[in-house]
Amino acid sequence: MGQLVPMIDQVNERYSKNPQQWLVDGGYPAHNQLDQAETKTCVYAPIPKSRDDASDPCQPKPGDSQAVRDWCQRMGTDEARKVYKERAATAECVNALARDAD
């Protein structure tokens, strides 16, 4: 947790620009990180499962910032699910290959 914005800043320092989209795993989307990242890029990250089976985890909660609301609503769309599904096909494959190289 807490590494989304430092990661975005590091890439910006190296390439002098921010990617339009970031696909990150569930350990990255802390609310304060989403608030700071909103002006830099569009974050795609899974929404944690709700403890209450009756509630929709993609619905913003009272007190959520606009950045968190936007993320929740974005991740509730079929388009975002399709984009995020690509993360597993690329990032997880690269990680598996790196482990096999040892």
PDB file of N, CA and C in Angstrom:
ATOM      1  N   MET A   1       0.836  -1.186   0.000  1.00  0.00           N
ATOM      2  CA  MET A   1       0.000   0.000   0.000  1.00  0.00           C
ATOM      3  C   MET A   1       0.883   1.252   0.000  1.00  0.00           C
ATOM      4  N   GLY A   2       0.357   2.293  -0.532  1.00  0.00           N
ATOM      5  CA  GLY A   2       1.067   3.561  -0.509  1.00  0.00           C
ATOM      6  C   GLY A   2       2.124   3.722  -1.577  1.00  0.00           C
ATOM      7  N   GLN A   3       2.180   2.812  -2.546  1.00  0.00           N
ATOM      8  CA  GLN A   3       3.235   2.894  -3.552  1.00  0.00           C
ATOM      9  C   GLN A   3       2.752   3.319  -4.932  1.00  0.00           C
ATOM     10  N   LEU A   4       1.463   3.574  -5.084  1.00  0.00           N
ATOM     11  CA  LEU A   4       0.945   3.958  -6.395  1.00  0.00           C
ATOM     12  C   LEU A   4       1.526   5.285  -6.873  1.00  0.00           C
ATOM     13  N   VAL A   5       1.427   6.313  -6.074  1.00  0.00           N
ATOM     14  CA  VAL A   5       1.914   7.631  -6.491  1.00  0.00           C
ATOM     15  C   VAL A   5       3.439   7.646  -6.644  1.00  0.00           C
ATOM     16  N   PRO A   6       4.207   7.061  -5.723  1.00  0.00           N
ATOM     17  CA  PRO A   6       5.657   7.011  -5.966  1.00  0.00           C
ATOM     18  C   PRO A   6       6.013   6.284  -7.261  1.00  0.00           C
ATOM     19  N   MET A   7       5.254   5.238  -7.602  1.00  0.00           N
ATOM     20  CA  MET A   7       5.508   4.509  -8.841  1.00  0.00           C
ATOM     21  C   MET A   7       5.205   5.401 -10.054  1.00  0.00           C
ATOM     22  N   ILE A   8       4.092   6.105 -10.009  1.00  0.00           N
ATOM     23  CA  ILE A   8       3.735   7.016 -11.101  1.00  0.00           C
ATOM     24  C   ILE A   8       4.792   8.106 -11.234  1.00  0.00           C
ATOM     25  N   ASP A   9       5.215   8.680 -10.111  1.00  0.00           N
ATOM     26  CA  ASP A   9       6.227   9.745 -10.137  1.00  0.00           C
ATOM     27  C   ASP A   9       7.553   9.237 -10.688  1.00  0.00           C
ATOM     28  N   GLN A  10       7.922   8.014 -10.340  1.00  0.00           N
ATOM     29  CA  GLN A  10       9.188   7.452 -10.828  1.00  0.00           C
ATOM     30  C   GLN A  10       9.153   7.275 -12.354  1.00  0.00           C
ATOM     31  N   VAL A  11       8.062   6.791 -12.877  1.00  0.00           N
ATOM     32  CA  VAL A  11       7.943   6.636 -14.330  1.00  0.00           C
ATOM     33  C   VAL A  11       7.964   8.012 -15.003  1.00  0.00           C
ATOM     34  N   ASN A  12       7.297   8.991 -14.403  1.00  0.00           N
ATOM     35  CA  ASN A  12       7.305  10.333 -14.957  1.00  0.00           C
ATOM     36  C   ASN A  12       8.716  10.918 -14.976  1.00  0.00           C
ATOM     37  N   GLU A  13       9.471  10.683 -13.922  1.00  0.00           N
ATOM     38  CA  GLU A  13      10.861  11.175 -13.887  1.00  0.00           C
ATOM     39  C   GLU A  13      11.699  10.543 -14.989  1.00  0.00           C
ATOM     40  N   ARG A  14      11.475   9.284 -15.255  1.00  0.00           N
ATOM     41  CA  ARG A  14      12.269   8.581 -16.272  1.00  0.00           C
ATOM     42  C   ARG A  14      11.868   8.949 -17.695  1.00  0.00           C
ATOM     43  N   TYR A  15      10.571   9.144 -17.940  1.00  0.00           N
ATOM     44  CA  TYR A  15      10.081   9.312 -19.304  1.00  0.00           C
ATOM     45  C   TYR A  15       9.451  10.675 -19.572  1.00  0.00           C
ATOM     46  N   SER A  16       9.388  11.516 -18.567  1.00  0.00           N
ATOM     47  CA  SER A  16       8.823  12.869 -18.683  1.00  0.00           C
ATOM     48  C   SER A  16       7.355  12.888 -19.096  1.00  0.00           C
ATOM     49  N   LYS A  17       6.648  11.828 -18.777  1.00  0.00           N
ATOM     50  CA  LYS A  17       5.202  11.795 -18.997  1.00  0.00           C
ATOM     51  C   LYS A  17       4.595  10.652 -18.189  1.00  0.00           C
ATOM     52  N   ASN A  18       3.306  10.759 -17.998  1.00  0.00           N
ATOM     53  CA  ASN A  18       2.572   9.717 -17.285  1.00  0.00           C
ATOM     54  C   ASN A  18       1.793   8.875 -18.278  1.00  0.00           C
ATOM     55  N   PRO A  19       1.754   7.567 -18.076  1.00  0.00           N
ATOM     56  CA  PRO A  19       0.876   6.757 -18.917  1.00  0.00           C
ATOM     57  C   PRO A  19      -0.577   7.192 -18.714  1.00  0.00           C
ATOM     58  N   GLN A  20      -1.381   7.034 -19.729  1.00  0.00           N
ATOM     59  CA  GLN A  20      -2.790   7.419 -19.622  1.00  0.00           C
ATOM     60  C   GLN A  20      -3.526   6.524 -18.642  1.00  0.00           C
ATOM     61  N   GLN A  21      -3.114   5.257 -18.545  1.00  0.00           N
ATOM     62  CA  GLN A  21      -3.780   4.301 -17.673  1.00  0.00           C
ATOM     63  C   GLN A  21      -2.746   3.500 -16.886  1.00  0.00           C
ATOM     64  N   TRP A  22      -3.129   3.159 -15.652  1.00  0.00           N
ATOM     65  CA  TRP A  22      -2.323   2.267 -14.816  1.00  0.00           C
ATOM     66  C   TRP A  22      -3.192   1.092 -14.424  1.00  0.00           C
ATOM     67  N   LEU A  23      -2.701  -0.105 -14.634  1.00  0.00           N
ATOM     68  CA  LEU A  23      -3.379  -1.315 -14.200  1.00  0.00           C
ATOM     69  C   LEU A  23      -2.568  -1.873 -13.046  1.00  0.00           C
ATOM     70  N   VAL A  24      -3.142  -1.857 -11.865  1.00  0.00           N
ATOM     71  CA  VAL A  24      -2.413  -2.300 -10.678  1.00  0.00           C
ATOM     72  C   VAL A  24      -3.219  -3.345  -9.920  1.00  0.00           C
ATOM     73  N   ASP A  25      -2.515  -4.121  -9.102  1.00  0.00           N
ATOM     74  CA  ASP A  25      -3.231  -5.147  -8.342  1.00  0.00           C
ATOM     75  C   ASP A  25      -3.892  -4.535  -7.115  1.00  0.00           C
ATOM     76  N   GLY A  26      -4.578  -5.359  -6.372  1.00  0.00           N
ATOM     77  CA  GLY A  26      -5.404  -4.900  -5.269  1.00  0.00           C
ATOM     78  C   GLY A  26      -4.661  -4.266  -4.114  1.00  0.00           C
ATOM     79  N   GLY A  27      -3.355  -4.354  -4.078  1.00  0.00           N
ATOM     80  CA  GLY A  27      -2.592  -3.741  -3.008  1.00  0.00           C
ATOM     81  C   GLY A  27      -2.324  -2.258  -3.203  1.00  0.00           C
ATOM     82  N   TYR A  28      -2.667  -1.716  -4.348  1.00  0.00           N
ATOM     83  CA  TYR A  28      -2.329  -0.330  -4.658  1.00  0.00           C
ATOM     84  C   TYR A  28      -3.423   0.706  -4.448  1.00  0.00           C
ATOM     85  N   PRO A  29      -4.691   0.386  -4.578  1.00  0.00           N
ATOM     86  CA  PRO A  29      -5.683   1.464  -4.598  1.00  0.00           C
ATOM     87  C   PRO A  29      -6.131   1.996  -3.239  1.00  0.00           C
ATOM     88  N   ALA A  30      -5.199   2.408  -2.408  1.00  0.00           N
ATOM     89  CA  ALA A  30      -5.573   3.092  -1.167  1.00  0.00           C
ATOM     90  C   ALA A  30      -6.241   4.412  -1.551  1.00  0.00           C
ATOM     91  N   HIS A  31      -7.255   4.799  -0.809  1.00  0.00           N
ATOM     92  CA  HIS A  31      -8.026   5.985  -1.176  1.00  0.00           C
ATOM     93  C   HIS A  31      -7.150   7.230  -1.300  1.00  0.00           C
ATOM     94  N   ASN A  32      -6.225   7.435  -0.374  1.00  0.00           N
ATOM     95  CA  ASN A  32      -5.385   8.632  -0.472  1.00  0.00           C
ATOM     96  C   ASN A  32      -4.486   8.587  -1.709  1.00  0.00           C
ATOM     97  N   GLN A  33      -4.091   7.395  -2.128  1.00  0.00           N
ATOM     98  CA  GLN A  33      -3.281   7.259  -3.336  1.00  0.00           C
ATOM     99  C   GLN A  33      -4.118   7.559  -4.583  1.00  0.00           C
ATOM    100  N   LEU A  34      -5.355   7.111  -4.582  1.00  0.00           N
ATOM    101  CA  LEU A  34      -6.248   7.413  -5.710  1.00  0.00           C
ATOM    102  C   LEU A  34      -6.501   8.911  -5.813  1.00  0.00           C
ATOM    103  N   ASP A  35      -6.648   9.563  -4.665  1.00  0.00           N
ATOM    104  CA  ASP A  35      -6.855  11.015  -4.655  1.00  0.00           C
ATOM    105  C   ASP A  35      -5.664  11.730  -5.287  1.00  0.00           C
ATOM    106  N   GLN A  36      -4.455  11.296  -4.960  1.00  0.00           N
ATOM    107  CA  GLN A  36      -3.249  11.947  -5.483  1.00  0.00           C
ATOM    108  C   GLN A  36      -2.991  11.601  -6.943  1.00  0.00           C
ATOM    109  N   ALA A  37      -3.414  10.418  -7.372  1.00  0.00           N
ATOM    110  CA  ALA A  37      -3.137   9.967  -8.737  1.00  0.00           C
ATOM    111  C   ALA A  37      -4.124  10.501  -9.761  1.00  0.00           C
ATOM    112  N   GLU A  38      -5.291  10.973  -9.312  1.00  0.00           N
ATOM    113  CA  GLU A  38      -6.361  11.315 -10.250  1.00  0.00           C
ATOM    114  C   GLU A  38      -5.962  12.346 -11.298  1.00  0.00           C
ATOM    115  N   THR A  39      -5.069  13.270 -10.989  1.00  0.00           N
ATOM    116  CA  THR A  39      -4.672  14.283 -11.971  1.00  0.00           C
ATOM    117  C   THR A  39      -3.545  13.789 -12.880  1.00  0.00           C
ATOM    118  N   LYS A  40      -3.007  12.609 -12.576  1.00  0.00           N
ATOM    119  CA  LYS A  40      -1.861  12.109 -13.328  1.00  0.00           C
ATOM    120  C   LYS A  40      -2.207  10.997 -14.306  1.00  0.00           C
ATOM    121  N   THR A  41      -3.185  10.160 -13.953  1.00  0.00           N
ATOM    122  CA  THR A  41      -3.479   8.988 -14.764  1.00  0.00           C
ATOM    123  C   THR A  41      -4.831   8.402 -14.376  1.00  0.00           C
ATOM    124  N   CYS A  42      -5.293   7.468 -15.144  1.00  0.00           N
ATOM    125  CA  CYS A  42      -6.544   6.761 -14.868  1.00  0.00           C
ATOM    126  C   CYS A  42      -6.184   5.387 -14.296  1.00  0.00           C
ATOM    127  N   VAL A  43      -6.587   5.125 -13.071  1.00  0.00           N
ATOM    128  CA  VAL A  43      -6.207   3.889 -12.376  1.00  0.00           C
ATOM    129  C   VAL A  43      -7.274   2.819 -12.551  1.00  0.00           C
ATOM    130  N   TYR A  44      -6.816   1.638 -12.932  1.00  0.00           N
ATOM    131  CA  TYR A  44      -7.653   0.449 -12.980  1.00  0.00           C
ATOM    132  C   TYR A  44      -7.119  -0.515 -11.938  1.00  0.00           C
ATOM    133  N   ALA A  45      -7.922  -0.781 -10.931  1.00  0.00           N
ATOM    134  CA  ALA A  45      -7.544  -1.681  -9.843  1.00  0.00           C
ATOM    135  C   ALA A  45      -8.807  -2.316  -9.303  1.00  0.00           C
ATOM    136  N   PRO A  46      -8.708  -3.547  -8.848  1.00  0.00           N
ATOM    137  CA  PRO A  46      -9.918  -4.197  -8.343  1.00  0.00           C
ATOM    138  C   PRO A  46     -10.448  -3.517  -7.091  1.00  0.00           C
ATOM    139  N   ILE A  47     -11.753  -3.556  -6.954  1.00  0.00           N
ATOM    140  CA  ILE A  47     -12.402  -3.030  -5.754  1.00  0.00           C
ATOM    141  C   ILE A  47     -12.521  -4.182  -4.763  1.00  0.00           C
ATOM    142  N   PRO A  48     -12.135  -3.966  -3.522  1.00  0.00           N
ATOM    143  CA  PRO A  48     -12.245  -5.050  -2.539  1.00  0.00           C
ATOM    144  C   PRO A  48     -13.691  -5.532  -2.415  1.00  0.00           C
ATOM    145  N   LYS A  49     -13.832  -6.803  -2.172  1.00  0.00           N
ATOM    146  CA  LYS A  49     -15.166  -7.376  -1.970  1.00  0.00           C
ATOM    147  C   LYS A  49     -15.794  -6.778  -0.717  1.00  0.00           C
ATOM    148  N   SER A  50     -17.087  -6.561  -0.804  1.00  0.00           N
ATOM    149  CA  SER A  50     -17.823  -6.007   0.322  1.00  0.00           C
ATOM    150  C   SER A  50     -18.083  -7.093   1.363  1.00  0.00           C
ATOM    151  N   ARG A  51     -18.066  -6.708   2.621  1.00  0.00           N
ATOM    152  CA  ARG A  51     -18.399  -7.650   3.694  1.00  0.00           C
ATOM    153  C   ARG A  51     -19.883  -7.982   3.687  1.00  0.00           C
ATOM    154  N   ASP A  52     -20.666  -7.069   3.137  1.00  0.00           N
ATOM    155  CA  ASP A  52     -22.114  -7.230   3.059  1.00  0.00           C
ATOM    156  C   ASP A  52     -22.462  -7.719   1.650  1.00  0.00           C
ATOM    157  N   ASP A  53     -22.900  -8.959   1.547  1.00  0.00           N
ATOM    158  CA  ASP A  53     -23.202  -9.533   0.234  1.00  0.00           C
ATOM    159  C   ASP A  53     -24.306  -8.787  -0.504  1.00  0.00           C
ATOM    160  N   ALA A  54     -25.134  -8.074   0.210  1.00  0.00           N
ATOM    161  CA  ALA A  54     -26.246  -7.351  -0.417  1.00  0.00           C
ATOM    162  C   ALA A  54     -25.809  -6.037  -1.050  1.00  0.00           C
ATOM    163  N   SER A  55     -24.653  -5.518  -0.660  1.00  0.00           N
ATOM    164  CA  SER A  55     -24.226  -4.225  -1.208  1.00  0.00           C
ATOM    165  C   SER A  55     -23.336  -4.413  -2.431  1.00  0.00           C
ATOM    166  N   ASP A  56     -23.384  -3.445  -3.314  1.00  0.00           N
ATOM    167  CA  ASP A  56     -22.586  -3.452  -4.533  1.00  0.00           C
ATOM    168  C   ASP A  56     -21.254  -2.760  -4.239  1.00  0.00           C
ATOM    169  N   PRO A  57     -20.141  -3.476  -4.302  1.00  0.00           N
ATOM    170  CA  PRO A  57     -18.852  -2.848  -3.981  1.00  0.00           C
ATOM    171  C   PRO A  57     -18.466  -1.735  -4.944  1.00  0.00           C
ATOM    172  N   CYS A  58     -19.092  -1.686  -6.114  1.00  0.00           N
ATOM    173  CA  CYS A  58     -18.786  -0.642  -7.096  1.00  0.00           C
ATOM    174  C   CYS A  58     -19.537   0.653  -6.837  1.00  0.00           C
ATOM    175  N   GLN A  59     -20.431   0.647  -5.881  1.00  0.00           N
ATOM    176  CA  GLN A  59     -21.145   1.870  -5.524  1.00  0.00           C
ATOM    177  C   GLN A  59     -20.319   2.651  -4.505  1.00  0.00           C
ATOM    178  N   PRO A  60     -20.062   3.930  -4.780  1.00  0.00           N
ATOM    179  CA  PRO A  60     -19.293   4.745  -3.829  1.00  0.00           C
ATOM    180  C   PRO A  60     -19.976   4.796  -2.465  1.00  0.00           C
ATOM    181  N   LYS A  61     -19.169   4.971  -1.454  1.00  0.00           N
ATOM    182  CA  LYS A  61     -19.655   5.061  -0.071  1.00  0.00           C
ATOM    183  C   LYS A  61     -19.742   6.527   0.346  1.00  0.00           C
ATOM    184  N   PRO A  62     -20.611   6.825   1.311  1.00  0.00           N
ATOM    185  CA  PRO A  62     -20.651   8.203   1.827  1.00  0.00           C
ATOM    186  C   PRO A  62     -19.266   8.600   2.346  1.00  0.00           C
ATOM    187  N   GLY A  63     -18.862   9.779   2.020  1.00  0.00           N
ATOM    188  CA  GLY A  63     -17.556  10.259   2.466  1.00  0.00           C
ATOM    189  C   GLY A  63     -16.422   9.982   1.496  1.00  0.00           C
ATOM    190  N   ASP A  64     -16.678   9.188   0.451  1.00  0.00           N
ATOM    191  CA  ASP A  64     -15.633   8.945  -0.547  1.00  0.00           C
ATOM    192  C   ASP A  64     -15.344  10.234  -1.317  1.00  0.00           C
ATOM    193  N   SER A  65     -14.088  10.437  -1.652  1.00  0.00           N
ATOM    194  CA  SER A  65     -13.705  11.589  -2.468  1.00  0.00           C
ATOM    195  C   SER A  65     -14.189  11.388  -3.899  1.00  0.00           C
ATOM    196  N   GLN A  66     -14.115  12.434  -4.699  1.00  0.00           N
ATOM    197  CA  GLN A  66     -14.526  12.321  -6.099  1.00  0.00           C
ATOM    198  C   GLN A  66     -13.643  11.329  -6.843  1.00  0.00           C
ATOM    199  N   ALA A  67     -12.344  11.302  -6.555  1.00  0.00           N
ATOM    200  CA  ALA A  67     -11.439  10.362  -7.219  1.00  0.00           C
ATOM    201  C   ALA A  67     -11.829   8.919  -6.902  1.00  0.00           C
ATOM    202  N   VAL A  68     -12.179   8.643  -5.657  1.00  0.00           N
ATOM    203  CA  VAL A  68     -12.583   7.295  -5.257  1.00  0.00           C
ATOM    204  C   VAL A  68     -13.929   6.953  -5.886  1.00  0.00           C
ATOM    205  N   ARG A  69     -14.832   7.912  -5.920  1.00  0.00           N
ATOM    206  CA  ARG A  69     -16.135   7.682  -6.561  1.00  0.00           C
ATOM    207  C   ARG A  69     -15.944   7.340  -8.042  1.00  0.00           C
ATOM    208  N   ASP A  70     -15.089   8.099  -8.714  1.00  0.00           N
ATOM    209  CA  ASP A  70     -14.829   7.854 -10.136  1.00  0.00           C
ATOM    210  C   ASP A  70     -14.241   6.457 -10.343  1.00  0.00           C
ATOM    211  N   TRP A  71     -13.303   6.073  -9.488  1.00  0.00           N
ATOM    212  CA  TRP A  71     -12.685   4.747  -9.577  1.00  0.00           C
ATOM    213  C   TRP A  71     -13.736   3.652  -9.369  1.00  0.00           C
ATOM    214  N   CYS A  72     -14.559   3.790  -8.346  1.00  0.00           N
ATOM    215  CA  CYS A  72     -15.604   2.790  -8.070  1.00  0.00           C
ATOM    216  C   CYS A  72     -16.544   2.648  -9.260  1.00  0.00           C
ATOM    217  N   GLN A  73     -16.989   3.767  -9.774  1.00  0.00           N
ATOM    218  CA  GLN A  73     -17.914   3.724 -10.902  1.00  0.00           C
ATOM    219  C   GLN A  73     -17.240   3.163 -12.154  1.00  0.00           C
ATOM    220  N   ARG A  74     -15.989   3.547 -12.384  1.00  0.00           N
ATOM    221  CA  ARG A  74     -15.246   3.045 -13.542  1.00  0.00           C
ATOM    222  C   ARG A  74     -15.107   1.526 -13.464  1.00  0.00           C
ATOM    223  N   MET A  75     -14.715   1.025 -12.295  1.00  0.00           N
ATOM    224  CA  MET A  75     -14.473  -0.409 -12.158  1.00  0.00           C
ATOM    225  C   MET A  75     -15.754  -1.228 -12.199  1.00  0.00           C
ATOM    226  N   GLY A  76     -16.882  -0.581 -12.093  1.00  0.00           N
ATOM    227  CA  GLY A  76     -18.161  -1.274 -12.200  1.00  0.00           C
ATOM    228  C   GLY A  76     -18.629  -1.468 -13.633  1.00  0.00           C
ATOM    229  N   THR A  77     -17.872  -0.947 -14.593  1.00  0.00           N
ATOM    230  CA  THR A  77     -18.277  -1.051 -15.996  1.00  0.00           C
ATOM    231  C   THR A  77     -17.664  -2.279 -16.668  1.00  0.00           C
ATOM    232  N   ASP A  78     -18.340  -2.762 -17.683  1.00  0.00           N
ATOM    233  CA  ASP A  78     -17.817  -3.900 -18.453  1.00  0.00           C
ATOM    234  C   ASP A  78     -16.499  -3.526 -19.126  1.00  0.00           C
ATOM    235  N   GLU A  79     -16.405  -2.277 -19.591  1.00  0.00           N
ATOM    236  CA  GLU A  79     -15.169  -1.823 -20.250  1.00  0.00           C
ATOM    237  C   GLU A  79     -13.974  -1.912 -19.299  1.00  0.00           C
ATOM    238  N   ALA A  80     -14.137  -1.446 -18.068  1.00  0.00           N
ATOM    239  CA  ALA A  80     -13.044  -1.495 -17.099  1.00  0.00           C
ATOM    240  C   ALA A  80     -12.682  -2.932 -16.753  1.00  0.00           C
ATOM    241  N   ARG A  81     -13.666  -3.783 -16.624  1.00  0.00           N
ATOM    242  CA  ARG A  81     -13.383  -5.198 -16.337  1.00  0.00           C
ATOM    243  C   ARG A  81     -12.570  -5.825 -17.467  1.00  0.00           C
ATOM    244  N   LYS A  82     -12.908  -5.451 -18.701  1.00  0.00           N
ATOM    245  CA  LYS A  82     -12.170  -5.964 -19.866  1.00  0.00           C
ATOM    246  C   LYS A  82     -10.732  -5.449 -19.856  1.00  0.00           C
ATOM    247  N   VAL A  83     -10.549  -4.158 -19.583  1.00  0.00           N
ATOM    248  CA  VAL A  83      -9.207  -3.573 -19.512  1.00  0.00           C
ATOM    249  C   VAL A  83      -8.404  -4.252 -18.403  1.00  0.00           C
ATOM    250  N   TYR A  84      -9.009  -4.408 -17.232  1.00  0.00           N
ATOM    251  CA  TYR A  84      -8.282  -4.989 -16.104  1.00  0.00           C
ATOM    252  C   TYR A  84      -7.954  -6.455 -16.333  1.00  0.00           C
ATOM    253  N   LYS A  85      -8.791  -7.155 -17.039  1.00  0.00           N
ATOM    254  CA  LYS A  85      -8.528  -8.565 -17.324  1.00  0.00           C
ATOM    255  C   LYS A  85      -7.231  -8.723 -18.109  1.00  0.00           C
ATOM    256  N   GLU A  86      -6.894  -7.740 -18.932  1.00  0.00           N
ATOM    257  CA  GLU A  86      -5.644  -7.772 -19.693  1.00  0.00           C
ATOM    258  C   GLU A  86      -4.409  -7.745 -18.791  1.00  0.00           C
ATOM    259  N   ARG A  87      -4.552  -7.155 -17.590  1.00  0.00           N
ATOM    260  CA  ARG A  87      -3.424  -7.085 -16.660  1.00  0.00           C
ATOM    261  C   ARG A  87      -2.915  -8.475 -16.328  1.00  0.00           C
ATOM    262  N   ALA A  88      -3.813  -9.372 -16.024  1.00  0.00           N
ATOM    263  CA  ALA A  88      -3.412 -10.730 -15.654  1.00  0.00           C
ATOM    264  C   ALA A  88      -2.711 -11.420 -16.818  1.00  0.00           C
ATOM    265  N   ALA A  89      -3.181 -11.175 -18.018  1.00  0.00           N
ATOM    266  CA  ALA A  89      -2.595 -11.815 -19.187  1.00  0.00           C
ATOM    267  C   ALA A  89      -1.189 -11.318 -19.494  1.00  0.00           C
ATOM    268  N   THR A  90      -0.843 -10.127 -19.017  1.00  0.00           N
ATOM    269  CA  THR A  90       0.484  -9.579 -19.297  1.00  0.00           C
ATOM    270  C   THR A  90       1.380  -9.608 -18.062  1.00  0.00           C
ATOM    271  N   ALA A  91       0.977  -8.938 -17.010  1.00  0.00           N
ATOM    272  CA  ALA A  91       1.830  -8.806 -15.826  1.00  0.00           C
ATOM    273  C   ALA A  91       2.098 -10.138 -15.151  1.00  0.00           C
ATOM    274  N   GLU A  92       1.084 -10.951 -14.987  1.00  0.00           N
ATOM    275  CA  GLU A  92       1.282 -12.222 -14.298  1.00  0.00           C
ATOM    276  C   GLU A  92       2.154 -13.161 -15.113  1.00  0.00           C
ATOM    277  N   CYS A  93       2.022 -13.106 -16.430  1.00  0.00           N
ATOM    278  CA  CYS A  93       2.853 -13.934 -17.297  1.00  0.00           C
ATOM    279  C   CYS A  93       4.321 -13.523 -17.183  1.00  0.00           C
ATOM    280  N   VAL A  94       4.583 -12.217 -17.198  1.00  0.00           N
ATOM    281  CA  VAL A  94       5.953 -11.715 -17.067  1.00  0.00           C
ATOM    282  C   VAL A  94       6.545 -12.125 -15.721  1.00  0.00           C
ATOM    283  N   ASN A  95       5.762 -12.005 -14.652  1.00  0.00           N
ATOM    284  CA  ASN A  95       6.234 -12.407 -13.319  1.00  0.00           C
ATOM    285  C   ASN A  95       6.542 -13.897 -13.278  1.00  0.00           C
ATOM    286  N   ALA A  96       5.718 -14.694 -13.896  1.00  0.00           N
ATOM    287  CA  ALA A  96       5.957 -16.148 -13.917  1.00  0.00           C
ATOM    288  C   ALA A  96       7.229 -16.465 -14.680  1.00  0.00           C
ATOM    289  N   LEU A  97       7.444 -15.804 -15.798  1.00  0.00           N
ATOM    290  CA  LEU A  97       8.659 -16.030 -16.574  1.00  0.00           C
ATOM    291  C   LEU A  97       9.908 -15.604 -15.810  1.00  0.00           C
ATOM    292  N   ALA A  98       9.804 -14.507 -15.068  1.00  0.00           N
ATOM    293  CA  ALA A  98      10.944 -14.038 -14.276  1.00  0.00           C
ATOM    294  C   ALA A  98      11.275 -15.029 -13.173  1.00  0.00           C
ATOM    295  N   ARG A  99      10.272 -15.614 -12.548  1.00  0.00           N
ATOM    296  CA  ARG A  99      10.526 -16.619 -11.504  1.00  0.00           C
ATOM    297  C   ARG A  99      11.165 -17.859 -12.086  1.00  0.00           C
ATOM    298  N   ASP A 100      10.754 -18.256 -13.293  1.00  0.00           N
ATOM    299  CA  ASP A 100      11.297 -19.446 -13.925  1.00  0.00           C
ATOM    300  C   ASP A 100      12.739 -19.250 -14.378  1.00  0.00           C
ATOM    301  N   ALA A 101      13.161 -18.011 -14.545  1.00  0.00           N
ATOM    302  CA  ALA A 101      14.520 -17.713 -15.008  1.00  0.00           C
ATOM    303  C   ALA A 101      15.560 -17.984 -13.931  1.00  0.00           C
ATOM    304  N   ASP A 102      15.149 -18.049 -12.678  1.00  0.00           N
ATOM    305  CA  ASP A 102      16.121 -18.262 -11.594  1.00  0.00           C
ATOM    306  C   ASP A 102      16.663 -19.650 -11.558  1.00  0.00           C
TER     307      ASP A 102
END
